[in-house]
């Protein structure tokens, strides 16, 4: 009788342990996402779509957003400290902060191409990079970060032009930048391509020049501290897969992606809003991670491309010391993040 009671009590204890473990195994993992408080929804598209389409939920993730004053210079430091988990930003932040001891790695891209482009009006006589000789080129600010200017200088150097052959002009952002280009105050604008999308959808016809050697090397993505990549490896894998699903949804069903994006903003939207956002995503899709939807490396950083970009920055004097590409980028999550049934996205019902 005593033996039976012992076995019965042991079985009850085991059942209790299994019940206690059940919720923990099925609970969502928490990730904190750092975002500028005035980040445009289009720039934050993939994260919003992953949220609004339920891809985070499907991956058992609870992704919360922590807002940071836009333009803050401490974003890289906060991310490197491990205080937050995932930071959407340019890889430049990881490259330039590495020498100061703030270590970050880009583990997933949010584009398929190098982000900085040179745009001219479609009616412009500028047809080739060599035609920029003697022209004025608008940038956000002449005294701002070096990335756009250095990328532009690198592009034009491939055509034999030196910085003395053209002039940079501060044109600000958004409508101010677009006005400077359309009014003829500058001959061209060197900007991140996503900033141009709303104006292209509105009917502005542009000729876009991509970097001649870095075009297929996305420099914008999702970064995290090495400590986070190690301690939350599984959650980061699933986050990456949710973002890849969002990128594919844009390619397969831009209307459903637009609806998910607008839903995730938490603000009311009209059919006209949905139509406009669908058009923006449709125009942008060739620059987004799933530009080749059949690829099984969607979102994987180009290690060779990033190494070339680091060398560009180093040769221009923007770095104090060489930075090994493996210290600022990794493609270790590519296989997992692309391992899912594509038909589930093709058959997505919004």
C-alpha atoms as a PDB file:
ATOM      1  CA  UNK A   1       0.000   0.000   0.000  1.00  0.00           C
ATOM      2  CA  UNK A   2       2.850   2.278   0.867  1.00  0.00           C
ATOM      3  CA  UNK A   3       4.539   1.540  -2.456  1.00  0.00           C
ATOM      4  CA  UNK A   4       1.320   2.321  -4.296  1.00  0.00           C
ATOM      5  CA  UNK A   5       0.981   5.629  -2.453  1.00  0.00           C
ATOM      6  CA  UNK A   6       4.569   6.524  -3.319  1.00  0.00           C
ATOM      7  CA  UNK A   7       4.001   5.730  -6.992  1.00  0.00           C
ATOM      8  CA  UNK A   8       0.733   7.657  -6.979  1.00  0.00           C
ATOM      9  CA  UNK A   9       2.373  10.686  -5.369  1.00  0.00           C
ATOM     10  CA  UNK A  10       5.271  10.494  -7.820  1.00  0.00           C
ATOM     11  CA  UNK A  11       2.854  10.373 -10.751  1.00  0.00           C
ATOM     12  CA  UNK A  12       0.970  13.371  -9.378  1.00  0.00           C
ATOM     13  CA  UNK A  13       4.195  15.283  -8.935  1.00  0.00           C
ATOM     14  CA  UNK A  14       5.245  14.449 -12.482  1.00  0.00           C
ATOM     15  CA  UNK A  15       1.849  15.564 -13.815  1.00  0.00           C
ATOM     16  CA  UNK A  16       2.220  18.849 -11.907  1.00  0.00           C
ATOM     17  CA  UNK A  17       5.680  19.409 -13.373  1.00  0.00           C
ATOM     18  CA  UNK A  18       4.407  18.758 -16.894  1.00  0.00           C
ATOM     19  CA  UNK A  19       1.535  21.179 -16.352  1.00  0.00           C
ATOM     20  CA  UNK A  20       3.899  23.765 -14.932  1.00  0.00           C
ATOM     21  CA  UNK A  21       6.258  23.426 -17.883  1.00  0.00           C
ATOM     22  CA  UNK A  22       3.517  23.538 -20.515  1.00  0.00           C
ATOM     23  CA  UNK A  23       2.829  27.300 -20.505  1.00  0.00           C
ATOM     24  CA  UNK A  24       6.550  28.094 -20.447  1.00  0.00           C
ATOM     25  CA  UNK A  25       7.146  25.980 -23.525  1.00  0.00           C
ATOM     26  CA  UNK A  26       4.275  27.575 -25.399  1.00  0.00           C
ATOM     27  CA  UNK A  27       4.799  31.125 -24.153  1.00  0.00           C
ATOM     28  CA  UNK A  28       5.925  33.797 -26.575  1.00  0.00           C
ATOM     29  CA  UNK A  29       9.475  35.068 -26.396  1.00  0.00           C
ATOM     30  CA  UNK A  30       9.844  38.794 -25.786  1.00  0.00           C
ATOM     31  CA  UNK A  31      11.960  41.021 -28.001  1.00  0.00           C
ATOM     32  CA  UNK A  32      12.419  44.771 -27.607  1.00  0.00           C
ATOM     33  CA  UNK A  33      12.638  46.740 -30.848  1.00  0.00           C
ATOM     34  CA  UNK A  34      14.290  50.177 -30.785  1.00  0.00           C
ATOM     35  CA  UNK A  35      12.778  52.727 -33.147  1.00  0.00           C
ATOM     36  CA  UNK A  36      13.020  56.458 -33.740  1.00  0.00           C
ATOM     37  CA  UNK A  37       9.880  58.192 -32.552  1.00  0.00           C
ATOM     38  CA  UNK A  38       9.250  59.834 -35.935  1.00  0.00           C
ATOM     39  CA  UNK A  39      10.318  56.944 -38.176  1.00  0.00           C
ATOM     40  CA  UNK A  40       8.132  56.982 -41.330  1.00  0.00           C
ATOM     41  CA  UNK A  41       5.838  53.914 -41.599  1.00  0.00           C
ATOM     42  CA  UNK A  42       7.331  53.087 -45.008  1.00  0.00           C
ATOM     43  CA  UNK A  43      10.849  52.839 -43.571  1.00  0.00           C
ATOM     44  CA  UNK A  44       9.464  50.579 -40.843  1.00  0.00           C
ATOM     45  CA  UNK A  45       7.350  48.604 -43.328  1.00  0.00           C
ATOM     46  CA  UNK A  46       8.647  45.070 -42.781  1.00  0.00           C
ATOM     47  CA  UNK A  47       8.316  45.192 -39.006  1.00  0.00           C
ATOM     48  CA  UNK A  48       4.805  46.636 -39.222  1.00  0.00           C
ATOM     49  CA  UNK A  49       3.732  44.054 -41.795  1.00  0.00           C
ATOM     50  CA  UNK A  50       5.151  41.194 -39.707  1.00  0.00           C
ATOM     51  CA  UNK A  51       3.079  42.497 -36.813  1.00  0.00           C
ATOM     52  CA  UNK A  52      -0.124  43.296 -38.698  1.00  0.00           C
ATOM     53  CA  UNK A  53      -0.127  40.065 -40.706  1.00  0.00           C
ATOM     54  CA  UNK A  54       0.299  37.944 -37.593  1.00  0.00           C
ATOM     55  CA  UNK A  55       3.741  36.627 -38.513  1.00  0.00           C
ATOM     56  CA  UNK A  56       5.214  37.499 -35.108  1.00  0.00           C
ATOM     57  CA  UNK A  57       2.365  35.676 -33.424  1.00  0.00           C
ATOM     58  CA  UNK A  58       2.872  32.642 -35.657  1.00  0.00           C
ATOM     59  CA  UNK A  59       6.540  32.613 -34.638  1.00  0.00           C
ATOM     60  CA  UNK A  60       5.596  32.852 -30.936  1.00  0.00           C
ATOM     61  CA  UNK A  61       7.114  36.282 -30.509  1.00  0.00           C
ATOM     62  CA  UNK A  62       5.994  39.289 -28.534  1.00  0.00           C
ATOM     63  CA  UNK A  63       7.790  42.232 -30.142  1.00  0.00           C
ATOM     64  CA  UNK A  64       7.423  45.527 -28.303  1.00  0.00           C
ATOM     65  CA  UNK A  65       8.734  48.879 -29.479  1.00  0.00           C
ATOM     66  CA  UNK A  66      10.801  51.285 -27.453  1.00  0.00           C
ATOM     67  CA  UNK A  67      10.878  54.766 -28.957  1.00  0.00           C
ATOM     68  CA  UNK A  68      13.993  56.906 -29.160  1.00  0.00           C
ATOM     69  CA  UNK A  69      14.139  60.598 -30.036  1.00  0.00           C
ATOM     70  CA  UNK A  70      14.662  60.698 -33.796  1.00  0.00           C
ATOM     71  CA  UNK A  71      18.186  61.433 -34.876  1.00  0.00           C
ATOM     72  CA  UNK A  72      19.659  60.386 -31.530  1.00  0.00           C
ATOM     73  CA  UNK A  73      23.373  59.791 -31.682  1.00  0.00           C
ATOM     74  CA  UNK A  74      23.239  57.209 -28.872  1.00  0.00           C
ATOM     75  CA  UNK A  75      21.182  54.580 -30.737  1.00  0.00           C
ATOM     76  CA  UNK A  76      24.198  52.403 -31.531  1.00  0.00           C
ATOM     77  CA  UNK A  77      25.394  52.617 -27.929  1.00  0.00           C
ATOM     78  CA  UNK A  78      21.991  51.582 -26.575  1.00  0.00           C
ATOM     79  CA  UNK A  79      21.804  48.673 -29.004  1.00  0.00           C
ATOM     80  CA  UNK A  80      25.362  47.533 -28.286  1.00  0.00           C
ATOM     81  CA  UNK A  81      24.697  47.565 -24.538  1.00  0.00           C
ATOM     82  CA  UNK A  82      22.045  44.864 -24.920  1.00  0.00           C
ATOM     83  CA  UNK A  83      19.426  47.067 -23.249  1.00  0.00           C
ATOM     84  CA  UNK A  84      17.233  46.444 -26.307  1.00  0.00           C
ATOM     85  CA  UNK A  85      17.260  43.439 -28.594  1.00  0.00           C
ATOM     86  CA  UNK A  86      16.763  44.484 -32.216  1.00  0.00           C
ATOM     87  CA  UNK A  87      17.685  47.774 -33.865  1.00  0.00           C
ATOM     88  CA  UNK A  88      16.756  48.702 -37.442  1.00  0.00           C
ATOM     89  CA  UNK A  89      19.521  50.910 -38.817  1.00  0.00           C
ATOM     90  CA  UNK A  90      22.263  51.177 -41.372  1.00  0.00           C
ATOM     91  CA  UNK A  91      25.316  48.990 -41.018  1.00  0.00           C
ATOM     92  CA  UNK A  92      27.320  52.228 -40.898  1.00  0.00           C
ATOM     93  CA  UNK A  93      26.375  52.495 -37.220  1.00  0.00           C
ATOM     94  CA  UNK A  94      28.058  49.167 -36.512  1.00  0.00           C
ATOM     95  CA  UNK A  95      31.110  49.954 -38.627  1.00  0.00           C
ATOM     96  CA  UNK A  96      31.804  53.412 -37.215  1.00  0.00           C
ATOM     97  CA  UNK A  97      31.045  52.503 -33.587  1.00  0.00           C
ATOM     98  CA  UNK A  98      33.187  49.366 -33.587  1.00  0.00           C
ATOM     99  CA  UNK A  99      36.371  51.262 -32.838  1.00  0.00           C
ATOM    100  CA  UNK A 100      34.682  52.923 -29.841  1.00  0.00           C
ATOM    101  CA  UNK A 101      33.868  49.562 -28.317  1.00  0.00           C
ATOM    102  CA  UNK A 102      30.167  49.466 -29.268  1.00  0.00           C
ATOM    103  CA  UNK A 103      29.825  46.160 -31.079  1.00  0.00           C
ATOM    104  CA  UNK A 104      26.794  45.361 -33.250  1.00  0.00           C
ATOM    105  CA  UNK A 105      26.073  42.895 -36.027  1.00  0.00           C
ATOM    106  CA  UNK A 106      23.614  43.154 -38.896  1.00  0.00           C
ATOM    107  CA  UNK A 107      21.929  39.742 -38.975  1.00  0.00           C
ATOM    108  CA  UNK A 108      19.176  40.490 -41.502  1.00  0.00           C
ATOM    109  CA  UNK A 109      18.730  43.054 -44.252  1.00  0.00           C
ATOM    110  CA  UNK A 110      15.608  45.065 -44.943  1.00  0.00           C
ATOM    111  CA  UNK A 111      16.532  45.653 -48.570  1.00  0.00           C
ATOM    112  CA  UNK A 112      18.041  43.822 -51.514  1.00  0.00           C
ATOM    113  CA  UNK A 113      20.138  46.734 -52.745  1.00  0.00           C
ATOM    114  CA  UNK A 114      22.524  49.361 -51.454  1.00  0.00           C
ATOM    115  CA  UNK A 115      20.292  52.097 -50.112  1.00  0.00           C
ATOM    116  CA  UNK A 116      21.981  55.297 -51.257  1.00  0.00           C
ATOM    117  CA  UNK A 117      21.133  56.313 -54.809  1.00  0.00           C
ATOM    118  CA  UNK A 118      21.468  59.400 -56.983  1.00  0.00           C
ATOM    119  CA  UNK A 119      18.201  60.597 -58.512  1.00  0.00           C
ATOM    120  CA  UNK A 120      17.596  63.062 -61.333  1.00  0.00           C
ATOM    121  CA  UNK A 121      14.403  64.112 -63.039  1.00  0.00           C
ATOM    122  CA  UNK A 122      13.516  61.912 -65.977  1.00  0.00           C
ATOM    123  CA  UNK A 123      13.754  65.021 -68.176  1.00  0.00           C
ATOM    124  CA  UNK A 124      17.334  65.690 -67.019  1.00  0.00           C
ATOM    125  CA  UNK A 125      20.136  65.627 -69.602  1.00  0.00           C
ATOM    126  CA  UNK A 126      22.142  63.533 -67.114  1.00  0.00           C
ATOM    127  CA  UNK A 127      22.204  60.045 -68.593  1.00  0.00           C
ATOM    128  CA  UNK A 128      25.427  58.578 -67.193  1.00  0.00           C
ATOM    129  CA  UNK A 129      27.573  59.032 -64.100  1.00  0.00           C
ATOM    130  CA  UNK A 130      30.087  61.000 -66.157  1.00  0.00           C
ATOM    131  CA  UNK A 131      27.364  63.574 -66.857  1.00  0.00           C
ATOM    132  CA  UNK A 132      27.430  64.723 -63.228  1.00  0.00           C
ATOM    133  CA  UNK A 133      30.543  66.778 -63.928  1.00  0.00           C
ATOM    134  CA  UNK A 134      29.843  70.401 -63.021  1.00  0.00           C
ATOM    135  CA  UNK A 135      26.476  69.545 -61.436  1.00  0.00           C
ATOM    136  CA  UNK A 136      25.011  70.223 -57.990  1.00  0.00           C
ATOM    137  CA  UNK A 137      23.919  67.224 -55.920  1.00  0.00           C
ATOM    138  CA  UNK A 138      21.579  67.571 -52.974  1.00  0.00           C
ATOM    139  CA  UNK A 139      22.180  65.658 -49.736  1.00  0.00           C
ATOM    140  CA  UNK A 140      20.357  65.842 -46.413  1.00  0.00           C
ATOM    141  CA  UNK A 141      23.068  68.035 -44.972  1.00  0.00           C
ATOM    142  CA  UNK A 142      26.593  68.692 -46.165  1.00  0.00           C
ATOM    143  CA  UNK A 143      27.895  68.568 -42.583  1.00  0.00           C
ATOM    144  CA  UNK A 144      25.989  65.406 -41.638  1.00  0.00           C
ATOM    145  CA  UNK A 145      27.111  61.789 -41.599  1.00  0.00           C
ATOM    146  CA  UNK A 146      29.573  60.735 -44.257  1.00  0.00           C
ATOM    147  CA  UNK A 147      27.703  57.764 -45.683  1.00  0.00           C
ATOM    148  CA  UNK A 148      25.591  59.309 -48.452  1.00  0.00           C
ATOM    149  CA  UNK A 149      28.360  61.666 -49.507  1.00  0.00           C
ATOM    150  CA  UNK A 150      31.038  58.976 -49.537  1.00  0.00           C
ATOM    151  CA  UNK A 151      28.800  56.544 -51.415  1.00  0.00           C
ATOM    152  CA  UNK A 152      28.076  59.228 -53.994  1.00  0.00           C
ATOM    153  CA  UNK A 153      31.737  60.123 -54.316  1.00  0.00           C
ATOM    154  CA  UNK A 154      32.535  56.443 -54.779  1.00  0.00           C
ATOM    155  CA  UNK A 155      29.903  56.068 -57.501  1.00  0.00           C
ATOM    156  CA  UNK A 156      31.140  59.101 -59.394  1.00  0.00           C
ATOM    157  CA  UNK A 157      34.783  58.109 -58.967  1.00  0.00           C
ATOM    158  CA  UNK A 158      34.012  55.034 -61.067  1.00  0.00           C
ATOM    159  CA  UNK A 159      33.335  57.477 -63.921  1.00  0.00           C
ATOM    160  CA  UNK A 160      36.594  59.327 -63.306  1.00  0.00           C
ATOM    161  CA  UNK A 161      35.085  62.264 -61.379  1.00  0.00           C
ATOM    162  CA  UNK A 162      36.641  63.784 -58.282  1.00  0.00           C
ATOM    163  CA  UNK A 163      34.896  65.842 -55.548  1.00  0.00           C
ATOM    164  CA  UNK A 164      36.142  68.978 -57.314  1.00  0.00           C
ATOM    165  CA  UNK A 165      34.002  68.075 -60.336  1.00  0.00           C
ATOM    166  CA  UNK A 166      30.625  68.557 -58.596  1.00  0.00           C
ATOM    167  CA  UNK A 167      29.099  70.299 -55.590  1.00  0.00           C
ATOM    168  CA  UNK A 168      27.126  68.966 -52.641  1.00  0.00           C
ATOM    169  CA  UNK A 169      24.203  71.104 -51.434  1.00  0.00           C
ATOM    170  CA  UNK A 170      22.150  70.666 -48.243  1.00  0.00           C
ATOM    171  CA  UNK A 171      18.495  70.089 -49.173  1.00  0.00           C
ATOM    172  CA  UNK A 172      16.984  68.643 -45.995  1.00  0.00           C
ATOM    173  CA  UNK A 173      14.513  65.777 -46.078  1.00  0.00           C
ATOM    174  CA  UNK A 174      11.093  64.787 -47.413  1.00  0.00           C
ATOM    175  CA  UNK A 175       9.156  67.603 -49.122  1.00  0.00           C
ATOM    176  CA  UNK A 176      12.028  70.070 -48.772  1.00  0.00           C
ATOM    177  CA  UNK A 177      14.404  67.695 -50.551  1.00  0.00           C
ATOM    178  CA  UNK A 178      11.882  66.845 -53.255  1.00  0.00           C
ATOM    179  CA  UNK A 179      11.163  70.529 -53.858  1.00  0.00           C
ATOM    180  CA  UNK A 180      14.863  71.293 -54.257  1.00  0.00           C
ATOM    181  CA  UNK A 181      15.059  68.690 -57.012  1.00  0.00           C
ATOM    182  CA  UNK A 182      11.833  69.495 -58.840  1.00  0.00           C
ATOM    183  CA  UNK A 183      12.431  73.263 -58.706  1.00  0.00           C
ATOM    184  CA  UNK A 184      15.887  72.920 -60.237  1.00  0.00           C
ATOM    185  CA  UNK A 185      17.718  74.237 -57.182  1.00  0.00           C
ATOM    186  CA  UNK A 186      19.897  71.145 -57.511  1.00  0.00           C
ATOM    187  CA  UNK A 187      20.561  68.944 -60.504  1.00  0.00           C
ATOM    188  CA  UNK A 188      20.317  65.707 -58.534  1.00  0.00           C
ATOM    189  CA  UNK A 189      19.583  64.312 -55.093  1.00  0.00           C
ATOM    190  CA  UNK A 190      21.657  61.666 -53.303  1.00  0.00           C
ATOM    191  CA  UNK A 191      19.248  60.075 -50.830  1.00  0.00           C
ATOM    192  CA  UNK A 192      18.106  56.724 -49.453  1.00  0.00           C
ATOM    193  CA  UNK A 193      15.833  55.245 -52.097  1.00  0.00           C
ATOM    194  CA  UNK A 194      12.893  54.767 -49.722  1.00  0.00           C
ATOM    195  CA  UNK A 195      12.569  58.548 -49.336  1.00  0.00           C
ATOM    196  CA  UNK A 196      11.843  58.862 -53.040  1.00  0.00           C
ATOM    197  CA  UNK A 197       9.098  56.219 -53.217  1.00  0.00           C
ATOM    198  CA  UNK A 198       6.095  58.383 -52.150  1.00  0.00           C
ATOM    199  CA  UNK A 199       7.002  61.011 -54.753  1.00  0.00           C
ATOM    200  CA  UNK A 200       7.397  58.412 -57.482  1.00  0.00           C
ATOM    201  CA  UNK A 201       3.961  57.038 -56.608  1.00  0.00           C
ATOM    202  CA  UNK A 202       2.579  60.579 -56.811  1.00  0.00           C
ATOM    203  CA  UNK A 203       3.798  60.793 -60.403  1.00  0.00           C
ATOM    204  CA  UNK A 204       7.306  62.211 -60.102  1.00  0.00           C
ATOM    205  CA  UNK A 205       9.343  60.573 -62.857  1.00  0.00           C
ATOM    206  CA  UNK A 206      12.926  59.966 -61.849  1.00  0.00           C
ATOM    207  CA  UNK A 207      16.044  58.376 -63.273  1.00  0.00           C
ATOM    208  CA  UNK A 208      17.806  56.404 -60.530  1.00  0.00           C
ATOM    209  CA  UNK A 209      21.547  55.688 -60.431  1.00  0.00           C
ATOM    210  CA  UNK A 210      22.575  52.828 -58.139  1.00  0.00           C
ATOM    211  CA  UNK A 211      26.116  52.363 -56.893  1.00  0.00           C
ATOM    212  CA  UNK A 212      28.024  50.608 -59.710  1.00  0.00           C
ATOM    213  CA  UNK A 213      29.739  48.033 -57.475  1.00  0.00           C
ATOM    214  CA  UNK A 214      27.675  47.946 -54.276  1.00  0.00           C
ATOM    215  CA  UNK A 215      24.203  47.857 -55.842  1.00  0.00           C
ATOM    216  CA  UNK A 216      23.399  44.340 -54.616  1.00  0.00           C
ATOM    217  CA  UNK A 217      24.854  44.884 -51.138  1.00  0.00           C
ATOM    218  CA  UNK A 218      22.109  46.039 -48.795  1.00  0.00           C
ATOM    219  CA  UNK A 219      23.485  48.366 -46.121  1.00  0.00           C
ATOM    220  CA  UNK A 220      20.269  48.734 -44.098  1.00  0.00           C
ATOM    221  CA  UNK A 221      18.925  46.023 -41.866  1.00  0.00           C
ATOM    222  CA  UNK A 222      18.354  44.683 -38.377  1.00  0.00           C
ATOM    223  CA  UNK A 223      21.245  44.765 -35.930  1.00  0.00           C
ATOM    224  CA  UNK A 224      21.823  43.362 -32.471  1.00  0.00           C
ATOM    225  CA  UNK A 225      24.595  43.087 -29.934  1.00  0.00           C
ATOM    226  CA  UNK A 226      26.614  39.855 -30.156  1.00  0.00           C
ATOM    227  CA  UNK A 227      25.454  39.049 -26.617  1.00  0.00           C
ATOM    228  CA  UNK A 228      21.813  39.208 -27.765  1.00  0.00           C
ATOM    229  CA  UNK A 229      22.497  37.083 -30.838  1.00  0.00           C
ATOM    230  CA  UNK A 230      23.942  34.447 -28.506  1.00  0.00           C
ATOM    231  CA  UNK A 231      21.480  34.576 -25.602  1.00  0.00           C
ATOM    232  CA  UNK A 232      18.338  34.979 -27.747  1.00  0.00           C
ATOM    233  CA  UNK A 233      19.524  33.040 -30.778  1.00  0.00           C
ATOM    234  CA  UNK A 234      16.299  31.084 -31.264  1.00  0.00           C
ATOM    235  CA  UNK A 235      14.064  34.144 -30.886  1.00  0.00           C
ATOM    236  CA  UNK A 236      16.242  36.109 -33.332  1.00  0.00           C
ATOM    237  CA  UNK A 237      15.913  33.245 -35.816  1.00  0.00           C
ATOM    238  CA  UNK A 238      12.140  33.380 -35.576  1.00  0.00           C
ATOM    239  CA  UNK A 239      12.126  37.169 -35.787  1.00  0.00           C
ATOM    240  CA  UNK A 240      14.167  36.883 -38.985  1.00  0.00           C
ATOM    241  CA  UNK A 241      11.707  34.381 -40.421  1.00  0.00           C
ATOM    242  CA  UNK A 242       8.761  36.670 -39.646  1.00  0.00           C
ATOM    243  CA  UNK A 243      10.497  39.528 -41.487  1.00  0.00           C
ATOM    244  CA  UNK A 244      11.265  37.313 -44.489  1.00  0.00           C
ATOM    245  CA  UNK A 245       7.595  36.317 -44.579  1.00  0.00           C
ATOM    246  CA  UNK A 246       6.662  40.026 -44.550  1.00  0.00           C
ATOM    247  CA  UNK A 247       9.048  40.688 -47.447  1.00  0.00           C
ATOM    248  CA  UNK A 248       7.503  37.849 -49.452  1.00  0.00           C
ATOM    249  CA  UNK A 249       3.985  39.082 -48.708  1.00  0.00           C
ATOM    250  CA  UNK A 250       4.899  42.394 -50.344  1.00  0.00           C
ATOM    251  CA  UNK A 251       5.987  40.559 -53.473  1.00  0.00           C
ATOM    252  CA  UNK A 252       3.045  38.149 -53.617  1.00  0.00           C
ATOM    253  CA  UNK A 253       0.245  40.366 -52.306  1.00  0.00           C
ATOM    254  CA  UNK A 254       1.198  44.054 -51.947  1.00  0.00           C
ATOM    255  CA  UNK A 255      -2.413  44.916 -51.117  1.00  0.00           C
ATOM    256  CA  UNK A 256      -2.483  42.475 -48.198  1.00  0.00           C
ATOM    257  CA  UNK A 257       0.913  43.735 -47.044  1.00  0.00           C
ATOM    258  CA  UNK A 258      -0.316  47.338 -47.175  1.00  0.00           C
ATOM    259  CA  UNK A 259      -3.383  46.435 -45.137  1.00  0.00           C
ATOM    260  CA  UNK A 260      -1.229  44.685 -42.532  1.00  0.00           C
ATOM    261  CA  UNK A 261       1.101  47.687 -42.359  1.00  0.00           C
ATOM    262  CA  UNK A 262      -1.706  50.179 -41.869  1.00  0.00           C
ATOM    263  CA  UNK A 263      -3.441  47.954 -39.336  1.00  0.00           C
ATOM    264  CA  UNK A 264      -0.254  47.700 -37.275  1.00  0.00           C
ATOM    265  CA  UNK A 265       0.089  51.482 -37.026  1.00  0.00           C
ATOM    266  CA  UNK A 266      -3.044  51.456 -34.891  1.00  0.00           C
ATOM    267  CA  UNK A 267      -4.582  54.426 -36.693  1.00  0.00           C
ATOM    268  CA  UNK A 268      -7.785  54.487 -38.758  1.00  0.00           C
ATOM    269  CA  UNK A 269      -7.214  54.333 -42.506  1.00  0.00           C
ATOM    270  CA  UNK A 270      -9.353  54.814 -45.579  1.00  0.00           C
ATOM    271  CA  UNK A 271      -9.593  52.862 -48.857  1.00  0.00           C
ATOM    272  CA  UNK A 272      -7.562  55.679 -50.410  1.00  0.00           C
ATOM    273  CA  UNK A 273      -4.854  55.204 -47.766  1.00  0.00           C
ATOM    274  CA  UNK A 274      -4.788  51.502 -48.582  1.00  0.00           C
ATOM    275  CA  UNK A 275      -4.548  52.192 -52.313  1.00  0.00           C
ATOM    276  CA  UNK A 276      -1.696  54.650 -51.805  1.00  0.00           C
ATOM    277  CA  UNK A 277       0.284  52.335 -49.511  1.00  0.00           C
ATOM    278  CA  UNK A 278      -0.222  49.422 -51.896  1.00  0.00           C
ATOM    279  CA  UNK A 279       1.185  51.534 -54.711  1.00  0.00           C
ATOM    280  CA  UNK A 280       4.207  52.515 -52.618  1.00  0.00           C
ATOM    281  CA  UNK A 281       5.018  48.910 -51.753  1.00  0.00           C
ATOM    282  CA  UNK A 282       4.550  47.860 -55.377  1.00  0.00           C
ATOM    283  CA  UNK A 283       7.014  50.483 -56.600  1.00  0.00           C
ATOM    284  CA  UNK A 284       9.478  49.639 -53.827  1.00  0.00           C
ATOM    285  CA  UNK A 285       9.320  45.840 -54.088  1.00  0.00           C
ATOM    286  CA  UNK A 286      12.386  45.463 -56.347  1.00  0.00           C
ATOM    287  CA  UNK A 287      14.529  47.130 -53.677  1.00  0.00           C
ATOM    288  CA  UNK A 288      13.125  45.033 -50.836  1.00  0.00           C
ATOM    289  CA  UNK A 289      14.588  41.748 -49.544  1.00  0.00           C
ATOM    290  CA  UNK A 290      12.290  39.494 -51.605  1.00  0.00           C
ATOM    291  CA  UNK A 291      13.139  41.080 -54.950  1.00  0.00           C
ATOM    292  CA  UNK A 292      13.947  37.490 -55.947  1.00  0.00           C
ATOM    293  CA  UNK A 293      11.114  35.579 -54.229  1.00  0.00           C
ATOM    294  CA  UNK A 294      12.564  32.195 -55.242  1.00  0.00           C
ATOM    295  CA  UNK A 295      15.781  32.815 -53.335  1.00  0.00           C
ATOM    296  CA  UNK A 296      16.436  30.848 -50.168  1.00  0.00           C
ATOM    297  CA  UNK A 297      18.721  33.581 -48.864  1.00  0.00           C
ATOM    298  CA  UNK A 298      16.206  36.421 -48.609  1.00  0.00           C
ATOM    299  CA  UNK A 299      17.475  38.915 -46.049  1.00  0.00           C
ATOM    300  CA  UNK A 300      20.984  37.482 -45.843  1.00  0.00           C
ATOM    301  CA  UNK A 301      23.664  40.197 -45.667  1.00  0.00           C
ATOM    302  CA  UNK A 302      26.261  40.098 -48.433  1.00  0.00           C
ATOM    303  CA  UNK A 303      29.498  39.508 -46.580  1.00  0.00           C
ATOM    304  CA  UNK A 304      31.638  40.287 -49.642  1.00  0.00           C
ATOM    305  CA  UNK A 305      29.601  43.413 -50.378  1.00  0.00           C
ATOM    306  CA  UNK A 306      29.924  44.660 -46.824  1.00  0.00           C
ATOM    307  CA  UNK A 307      33.647  44.018 -46.868  1.00  0.00           C
ATOM    308  CA  UNK A 308      33.887  46.191 -49.991  1.00  0.00           C
ATOM    309  CA  UNK A 309      31.832  48.904 -48.280  1.00  0.00           C
ATOM    310  CA  UNK A 310      34.062  48.818 -45.204  1.00  0.00           C
ATOM    311  CA  UNK A 311      37.085  49.248 -47.458  1.00  0.00           C
ATOM    312  CA  UNK A 312      35.378  52.201 -49.149  1.00  0.00           C
ATOM    313  CA  UNK A 313      34.861  53.886 -45.773  1.00  0.00           C
ATOM    314  CA  UNK A 314      38.373  53.046 -44.660  1.00  0.00           C
ATOM    315  CA  UNK A 315      39.979  54.379 -47.850  1.00  0.00           C
ATOM    316  CA  UNK A 316      37.985  57.605 -47.444  1.00  0.00           C
ATOM    317  CA  UNK A 317      39.339  58.096 -43.940  1.00  0.00           C
ATOM    318  CA  UNK A 318      36.015  57.542 -42.178  1.00  0.00           C
ATOM    319  CA  UNK A 319      37.440  54.741 -40.013  1.00  0.00           C
ATOM    320  CA  UNK A 320      40.246  54.933 -37.511  1.00  0.00           C
ATOM    321  CA  UNK A 321      41.206  51.287 -37.999  1.00  0.00           C
ATOM    322  CA  UNK A 322      40.141  48.342 -40.204  1.00  0.00           C
ATOM    323  CA  UNK A 323      36.946  46.557 -39.154  1.00  0.00           C
ATOM    324  CA  UNK A 324      36.624  42.802 -39.909  1.00  0.00           C
ATOM    325  CA  UNK A 325      33.351  42.205 -41.740  1.00  0.00           C
ATOM    326  CA  UNK A 326      32.555  39.185 -39.539  1.00  0.00           C
ATOM    327  CA  UNK A 327      32.480  41.544 -36.556  1.00  0.00           C
ATOM    328  CA  UNK A 328      29.673  43.696 -37.977  1.00  0.00           C
ATOM    329  CA  UNK A 329      27.604  41.328 -40.137  1.00  0.00           C
ATOM    330  CA  UNK A 330      26.531  37.688 -40.158  1.00  0.00           C
ATOM    331  CA  UNK A 331      24.513  35.518 -42.519  1.00  0.00           C
ATOM    332  CA  UNK A 332      24.128  32.675 -40.004  1.00  0.00           C
ATOM    333  CA  UNK A 333      20.340  33.110 -39.822  1.00  0.00           C
ATOM    334  CA  UNK A 334      19.695  32.869 -43.572  1.00  0.00           C
ATOM    335  CA  UNK A 335      18.880  29.158 -43.717  1.00  0.00           C
ATOM    336  CA  UNK A 336      16.460  29.157 -40.785  1.00  0.00           C
ATOM    337  CA  UNK A 337      14.687  32.381 -41.729  1.00  0.00           C
ATOM    338  CA  UNK A 338      13.961  31.040 -45.229  1.00  0.00           C
ATOM    339  CA  UNK A 339      12.822  27.611 -44.053  1.00  0.00           C
ATOM    340  CA  UNK A 340       9.030  27.724 -44.319  1.00  0.00           C
ATOM    341  CA  UNK A 341       6.248  26.857 -46.755  1.00  0.00           C
ATOM    342  CA  UNK A 342       6.088  29.609 -49.391  1.00  0.00           C
ATOM    343  CA  UNK A 343       2.561  28.504 -50.312  1.00  0.00           C
ATOM    344  CA  UNK A 344       1.294  29.766 -46.960  1.00  0.00           C
ATOM    345  CA  UNK A 345       2.321  33.268 -48.026  1.00  0.00           C
ATOM    346  CA  UNK A 346       1.103  32.843 -51.599  1.00  0.00           C
ATOM    347  CA  UNK A 347      -2.299  31.817 -50.245  1.00  0.00           C
ATOM    348  CA  UNK A 348      -2.352  34.496 -47.538  1.00  0.00           C
ATOM    349  CA  UNK A 349      -5.878  35.786 -46.874  1.00  0.00           C
ATOM    350  CA  UNK A 350      -6.063  39.366 -45.626  1.00  0.00           C
END
